[in-house]
Amino acid sequence: MTLGGFIAARRKVMRLTQEELSQRIGVSKSAVAKWETDGGVPDRDNLKKISEVINVPVEHLYRFIEKDGILDVDLNANITPDVIAILESYGYKVIRPGDDDSKKKGED
């Protein structure tokens, strides 16, 4: 079973419509429909809200995400120099492949 299938099944067990679930979470009905048909994955905050409404631990929902391989993505595939520049402008430290912190600090 996928995360979307689980959310849909649990919602139905609780006798909630997509509209009612969406109102309790604070999202649109179309967002719930998208998640339930595996067209997208709720963000962290919405996963927490869903877990509270359908009365399951949030860790249970994360297991579906891990099992489906949704988190198993190559993050380097979408990191362009422009993205790196934006991240660094917000104070993030970007470690590029081959960079070695000890060389930057002058330590051997």
N, C-alpha and C. Protein backbone atom coordinates (compact mmCIF):
# COMPACT_ATOMS: atom_id res chain seq x y z
N MET A 1 0.84 -1.18 0.00
CA MET A 1 0.00 0.00 0.00
C MET A 1 0.89 1.25 0.00
N THR A 2 0.44 2.26 -0.67
CA THR A 2 1.18 3.52 -0.73
C THR A 2 0.69 4.46 0.36
N LEU A 3 1.41 5.55 0.57
CA LEU A 3 1.01 6.55 1.54
C LEU A 3 -0.38 7.08 1.19
N GLY A 4 -0.58 7.41 -0.07
CA GLY A 4 -1.88 7.94 -0.50
C GLY A 4 -3.01 6.96 -0.24
N GLY A 5 -2.77 5.70 -0.56
CA GLY A 5 -3.78 4.67 -0.32
C GLY A 5 -4.09 4.52 1.15
N PHE A 6 -3.06 4.61 1.98
CA PHE A 6 -3.26 4.51 3.43
C PHE A 6 -4.07 5.69 3.94
N ILE A 7 -3.74 6.89 3.51
CA ILE A 7 -4.48 8.08 3.95
C ILE A 7 -5.94 7.95 3.56
N ALA A 8 -6.19 7.54 2.32
CA ALA A 8 -7.57 7.40 1.84
C ALA A 8 -8.32 6.34 2.65
N ALA A 9 -7.67 5.20 2.88
CA ALA A 9 -8.33 4.12 3.61
C ALA A 9 -8.63 4.54 5.05
N ARG A 10 -7.66 5.18 5.68
CA ARG A 10 -7.85 5.60 7.07
C ARG A 10 -8.92 6.68 7.17
N ARG A 11 -8.95 7.59 6.19
CA ARG A 11 -9.97 8.65 6.17
C ARG A 11 -11.36 8.02 6.08
N LYS A 12 -11.49 7.00 5.23
CA LYS A 12 -12.79 6.35 5.06
C LYS A 12 -13.20 5.58 6.32
N VAL A 13 -12.24 4.94 6.98
CA VAL A 13 -12.54 4.25 8.24
C VAL A 13 -13.06 5.24 9.28
N MET A 14 -12.52 6.44 9.25
CA MET A 14 -12.94 7.47 10.20
C MET A 14 -14.19 8.20 9.73
N ARG A 15 -14.72 7.77 8.60
CA ARG A 15 -15.95 8.35 8.02
C ARG A 15 -15.83 9.85 7.76
N LEU A 16 -14.68 10.21 7.21
CA LEU A 16 -14.44 11.60 6.82
C LEU A 16 -14.46 11.71 5.30
N THR A 17 -14.97 12.80 4.80
CA THR A 17 -14.86 13.08 3.37
C THR A 17 -13.52 13.75 3.13
N GLN A 18 -13.12 13.84 1.88
CA GLN A 18 -11.89 14.58 1.56
C GLN A 18 -12.03 16.03 2.00
N GLU A 19 -13.21 16.57 1.85
CA GLU A 19 -13.46 17.96 2.25
C GLU A 19 -13.28 18.13 3.75
N GLU A 20 -13.82 17.20 4.54
CA GLU A 20 -13.69 17.30 5.99
C GLU A 20 -12.23 17.16 6.43
N LEU A 21 -11.51 16.21 5.83
CA LEU A 21 -10.09 16.04 6.16
C LEU A 21 -9.32 17.30 5.79
N SER A 22 -9.61 17.84 4.61
CA SER A 22 -8.89 19.04 4.18
C SER A 22 -9.13 20.21 5.12
N GLN A 23 -10.35 20.35 5.62
CA GLN A 23 -10.66 21.44 6.56
C GLN A 23 -9.93 21.26 7.88
N ARG A 24 -9.84 20.03 8.35
CA ARG A 24 -9.16 19.77 9.63
C ARG A 24 -7.66 20.01 9.52
N ILE A 25 -7.10 19.76 8.33
CA ILE A 25 -5.66 19.94 8.13
C ILE A 25 -5.33 21.38 7.77
N GLY A 26 -6.28 22.04 7.09
CA GLY A 26 -6.05 23.41 6.67
C GLY A 26 -5.49 23.51 5.26
N VAL A 27 -5.90 22.57 4.40
CA VAL A 27 -5.49 22.57 2.99
C VAL A 27 -6.73 22.45 2.12
N SER A 28 -6.53 22.53 0.82
CA SER A 28 -7.66 22.40 -0.10
C SER A 28 -8.05 20.93 -0.28
N LYS A 29 -9.28 20.72 -0.70
CA LYS A 29 -9.74 19.37 -0.99
C LYS A 29 -8.91 18.75 -2.11
N SER A 30 -8.50 19.56 -3.06
CA SER A 30 -7.69 19.04 -4.17
C SER A 30 -6.32 18.57 -3.69
N ALA A 31 -5.78 19.18 -2.63
CA ALA A 31 -4.50 18.72 -2.07
C ALA A 31 -4.67 17.32 -1.50
N VAL A 32 -5.76 17.09 -0.78
CA VAL A 32 -6.02 15.76 -0.21
C VAL A 32 -6.20 14.75 -1.34
N ALA A 33 -6.94 15.12 -2.37
CA ALA A 33 -7.15 14.22 -3.50
C ALA A 33 -5.83 13.89 -4.19
N LYS A 34 -4.97 14.87 -4.32
CA LYS A 34 -3.66 14.67 -4.94
C LYS A 34 -2.82 13.69 -4.13
N TRP A 35 -2.82 13.87 -2.79
CA TRP A 35 -2.05 12.96 -1.94
C TRP A 35 -2.60 11.55 -2.01
N GLU A 36 -3.94 11.43 -1.98
CA GLU A 36 -4.56 10.11 -1.95
C GLU A 36 -4.36 9.34 -3.25
N THR A 37 -4.13 10.05 -4.34
CA THR A 37 -3.89 9.38 -5.63
C THR A 37 -2.40 9.32 -5.95
N ASP A 38 -1.57 9.60 -4.96
CA ASP A 38 -0.12 9.56 -5.08
C ASP A 38 0.41 10.52 -6.14
N GLY A 39 -0.29 11.65 -6.29
CA GLY A 39 0.18 12.69 -7.19
C GLY A 39 1.15 13.64 -6.51
N GLY A 40 1.32 13.46 -5.23
CA GLY A 40 2.23 14.30 -4.46
C GLY A 40 2.32 13.78 -3.04
N VAL A 41 3.22 14.36 -2.28
CA VAL A 41 3.44 13.93 -0.90
C VAL A 41 3.25 15.15 0.00
N PRO A 42 2.49 15.00 1.08
CA PRO A 42 2.34 16.13 2.01
C PRO A 42 3.69 16.53 2.60
N ASP A 43 3.85 17.82 2.86
CA ASP A 43 5.09 18.26 3.50
C ASP A 43 5.08 17.83 4.97
N ARG A 44 6.17 18.08 5.63
CA ARG A 44 6.35 17.64 7.02
C ARG A 44 5.24 18.13 7.94
N ASP A 45 4.89 19.40 7.84
CA ASP A 45 3.86 19.96 8.71
C ASP A 45 2.51 19.33 8.45
N ASN A 46 2.19 19.12 7.18
CA ASN A 46 0.91 18.50 6.85
C ASN A 46 0.88 17.02 7.23
N LEU A 47 2.01 16.34 7.13
CA LEU A 47 2.07 14.95 7.60
C LEU A 47 1.74 14.87 9.08
N LYS A 48 2.28 15.81 9.85
CA LYS A 48 2.01 15.85 11.29
C LYS A 48 0.52 16.07 11.54
N LYS A 49 -0.08 17.01 10.82
CA LYS A 49 -1.50 17.30 10.99
C LYS A 49 -2.35 16.09 10.58
N ILE A 50 -1.98 15.44 9.47
CA ILE A 50 -2.71 14.25 9.03
C ILE A 50 -2.65 13.18 10.09
N SER A 51 -1.46 12.96 10.63
CA SER A 51 -1.29 11.91 11.64
C SER A 51 -2.19 12.17 12.85
N GLU A 52 -2.32 13.42 13.23
CA GLU A 52 -3.17 13.77 14.37
C GLU A 52 -4.64 13.54 14.05
N VAL A 53 -5.06 13.92 12.85
CA VAL A 53 -6.47 13.79 12.48
C VAL A 53 -6.87 12.32 12.31
N ILE A 54 -6.01 11.53 11.65
CA ILE A 54 -6.37 10.13 11.41
C ILE A 54 -5.89 9.21 12.53
N ASN A 55 -5.30 9.81 13.57
CA ASN A 55 -4.93 9.10 14.79
C ASN A 55 -3.93 7.96 14.55
N VAL A 56 -2.85 8.28 13.86
CA VAL A 56 -1.74 7.34 13.70
C VAL A 56 -0.44 8.10 13.95
N PRO A 57 0.58 7.42 14.44
CA PRO A 57 1.86 8.11 14.66
C PRO A 57 2.44 8.62 13.33
N VAL A 58 3.02 9.80 13.36
CA VAL A 58 3.61 10.36 12.15
C VAL A 58 4.71 9.46 11.61
N GLU A 59 5.38 8.74 12.49
CA GLU A 59 6.43 7.81 12.06
C GLU A 59 5.87 6.74 11.14
N HIS A 60 4.62 6.35 11.39
CA HIS A 60 3.96 5.34 10.54
C HIS A 60 3.83 5.88 9.11
N LEU A 61 3.48 7.15 8.98
CA LEU A 61 3.35 7.76 7.66
C LEU A 61 4.71 7.85 6.97
N TYR A 62 5.75 8.19 7.74
CA TYR A 62 7.09 8.28 7.15
C TYR A 62 7.56 6.93 6.63
N ARG A 63 7.13 5.84 7.28
CA ARG A 63 7.51 4.51 6.80
C ARG A 63 7.01 4.26 5.39
N PHE A 64 5.80 4.74 5.09
CA PHE A 64 5.27 4.60 3.73
C PHE A 64 6.13 5.37 2.74
N ILE A 65 6.57 6.56 3.13
CA ILE A 65 7.39 7.39 2.25
C ILE A 65 8.71 6.70 1.98
N GLU A 66 9.34 6.18 3.02
CA GLU A 66 10.61 5.48 2.86
C GLU A 66 10.45 4.23 2.02
N LYS A 67 9.38 3.48 2.27
CA LYS A 67 9.14 2.23 1.53
C LYS A 67 8.92 2.52 0.04
N ASP A 68 8.22 3.60 -0.24
CA ASP A 68 7.93 3.95 -1.63
C ASP A 68 9.13 4.55 -2.35
N GLY A 69 10.21 4.80 -1.60
CA GLY A 69 11.42 5.36 -2.21
C GLY A 69 11.30 6.83 -2.54
N ILE A 70 10.31 7.49 -1.97
CA ILE A 70 10.11 8.91 -2.26
C ILE A 70 11.28 9.74 -1.76
N LEU A 71 11.86 9.35 -0.62
CA LEU A 71 12.98 10.10 -0.08
C LEU A 71 14.30 9.71 -0.72
N ASP A 72 14.31 8.64 -1.48
CA ASP A 72 15.53 8.15 -2.10
C ASP A 72 15.74 8.83 -3.44
N VAL A 73 16.10 10.10 -3.40
CA VAL A 73 16.31 10.87 -4.62
C VAL A 73 17.73 11.39 -4.64
N ASP A 74 18.23 11.65 -5.82
CA ASP A 74 19.56 12.21 -5.97
C ASP A 74 19.45 13.73 -5.85
N LEU A 75 19.74 14.24 -4.67
CA LEU A 75 19.60 15.67 -4.44
C LEU A 75 20.57 16.49 -5.28
N ASN A 76 21.69 15.91 -5.68
CA ASN A 76 22.65 16.64 -6.49
C ASN A 76 22.15 16.90 -7.90
N ALA A 77 21.15 16.14 -8.34
CA ALA A 77 20.66 16.27 -9.71
C ALA A 77 20.07 17.65 -9.97
N ASN A 78 19.51 18.30 -8.96
CA ASN A 78 18.84 19.58 -9.16
C ASN A 78 19.60 20.75 -8.58
N ILE A 79 20.79 20.52 -8.11
CA ILE A 79 21.58 21.60 -7.51
C ILE A 79 22.44 22.24 -8.60
N THR A 80 22.04 23.42 -8.97
CA THR A 80 22.78 24.17 -9.98
C THR A 80 23.59 25.25 -9.27
N PRO A 81 24.54 25.86 -9.96
CA PRO A 81 25.29 26.96 -9.33
C PRO A 81 24.38 28.08 -8.82
N ASP A 82 23.28 28.33 -9.52
CA ASP A 82 22.33 29.36 -9.07
C ASP A 82 21.69 28.97 -7.74
N VAL A 83 21.32 27.70 -7.60
CA VAL A 83 20.71 27.21 -6.36
C VAL A 83 21.72 27.30 -5.23
N ILE A 84 22.96 26.92 -5.49
CA ILE A 84 24.01 27.01 -4.49
C ILE A 84 24.20 28.46 -4.04
N ALA A 85 24.22 29.38 -4.98
CA ALA A 85 24.38 30.80 -4.65
C ALA A 85 23.23 31.29 -3.77
N ILE A 86 22.02 30.86 -4.06
CA ILE A 86 20.87 31.26 -3.25
C ILE A 86 20.99 30.70 -1.84
N LEU A 87 21.34 29.41 -1.74
CA LEU A 87 21.50 28.80 -0.42
C LEU A 87 22.57 29.52 0.39
N GLU A 88 23.70 29.81 -0.25
CA GLU A 88 24.79 30.50 0.45
C GLU A 88 24.39 31.91 0.84
N SER A 89 23.55 32.57 0.03
CA SER A 89 23.11 33.92 0.36
C SER A 89 22.23 33.93 1.61
N TYR A 90 21.60 32.79 1.91
CA TYR A 90 20.79 32.67 3.12
C TYR A 90 21.59 32.13 4.31
N GLY A 91 22.90 32.00 4.13
CA GLY A 91 23.75 31.60 5.22
C GLY A 91 24.02 30.11 5.33
N TYR A 92 23.52 29.33 4.37
CA TYR A 92 23.80 27.89 4.39
C TYR A 92 25.21 27.63 3.89
N LYS A 93 25.84 26.65 4.48
CA LYS A 93 27.17 26.24 4.03
C LYS A 93 26.96 25.06 3.07
N VAL A 94 27.37 25.21 1.85
CA VAL A 94 27.22 24.16 0.84
C VAL A 94 28.56 23.46 0.69
N ILE A 95 28.58 22.17 0.96
CA ILE A 95 29.79 21.38 0.81
C ILE A 95 29.69 20.64 -0.52
N ARG A 96 30.58 20.97 -1.40
CA ARG A 96 30.58 20.36 -2.72
C ARG A 96 31.40 19.07 -2.70
N PRO A 97 31.06 18.12 -3.57
CA PRO A 97 31.86 16.89 -3.63
C PRO A 97 33.32 17.23 -3.86
N GLY A 98 34.20 16.61 -3.09
CA GLY A 98 35.63 16.86 -3.22
C GLY A 98 36.14 17.94 -2.31
N ASP A 99 35.22 18.77 -1.76
CA ASP A 99 35.65 19.79 -0.80
C ASP A 99 36.08 19.10 0.48
N ASP A 100 37.10 19.65 1.10
CA ASP A 100 37.58 19.09 2.37
C ASP A 100 37.70 20.23 3.36
N ASP A 101 36.92 20.19 4.42
CA ASP A 101 36.93 21.25 5.44
C ASP A 101 38.31 21.49 6.02
N SER A 102 39.06 20.43 6.20
CA SER A 102 40.38 20.61 6.85
C SER A 102 41.32 21.43 5.98
N LYS A 103 41.19 21.33 4.66
CA LYS A 103 42.04 22.12 3.78
C LYS A 103 41.66 23.61 3.87
N LYS A 104 40.34 23.88 4.02
CA LYS A 104 39.89 25.27 4.11
C LYS A 104 40.38 25.94 5.38
N LYS A 105 40.48 25.15 6.46
CA LYS A 105 40.91 25.70 7.74
C LYS A 105 42.42 25.75 7.87
N GLY A 106 43.11 25.19 6.90
CA GLY A 106 44.56 25.18 6.95
C GLY A 106 45.11 24.09 7.84
N GLU A 107 44.28 23.13 8.19
CA GLU A 107 44.70 22.03 9.03
C GLU A 107 45.11 20.86 8.13
N ASP A 108 46.04 20.06 8.60
CA ASP A 108 46.46 18.88 7.83
C ASP A 108 46.05 17.62 8.52
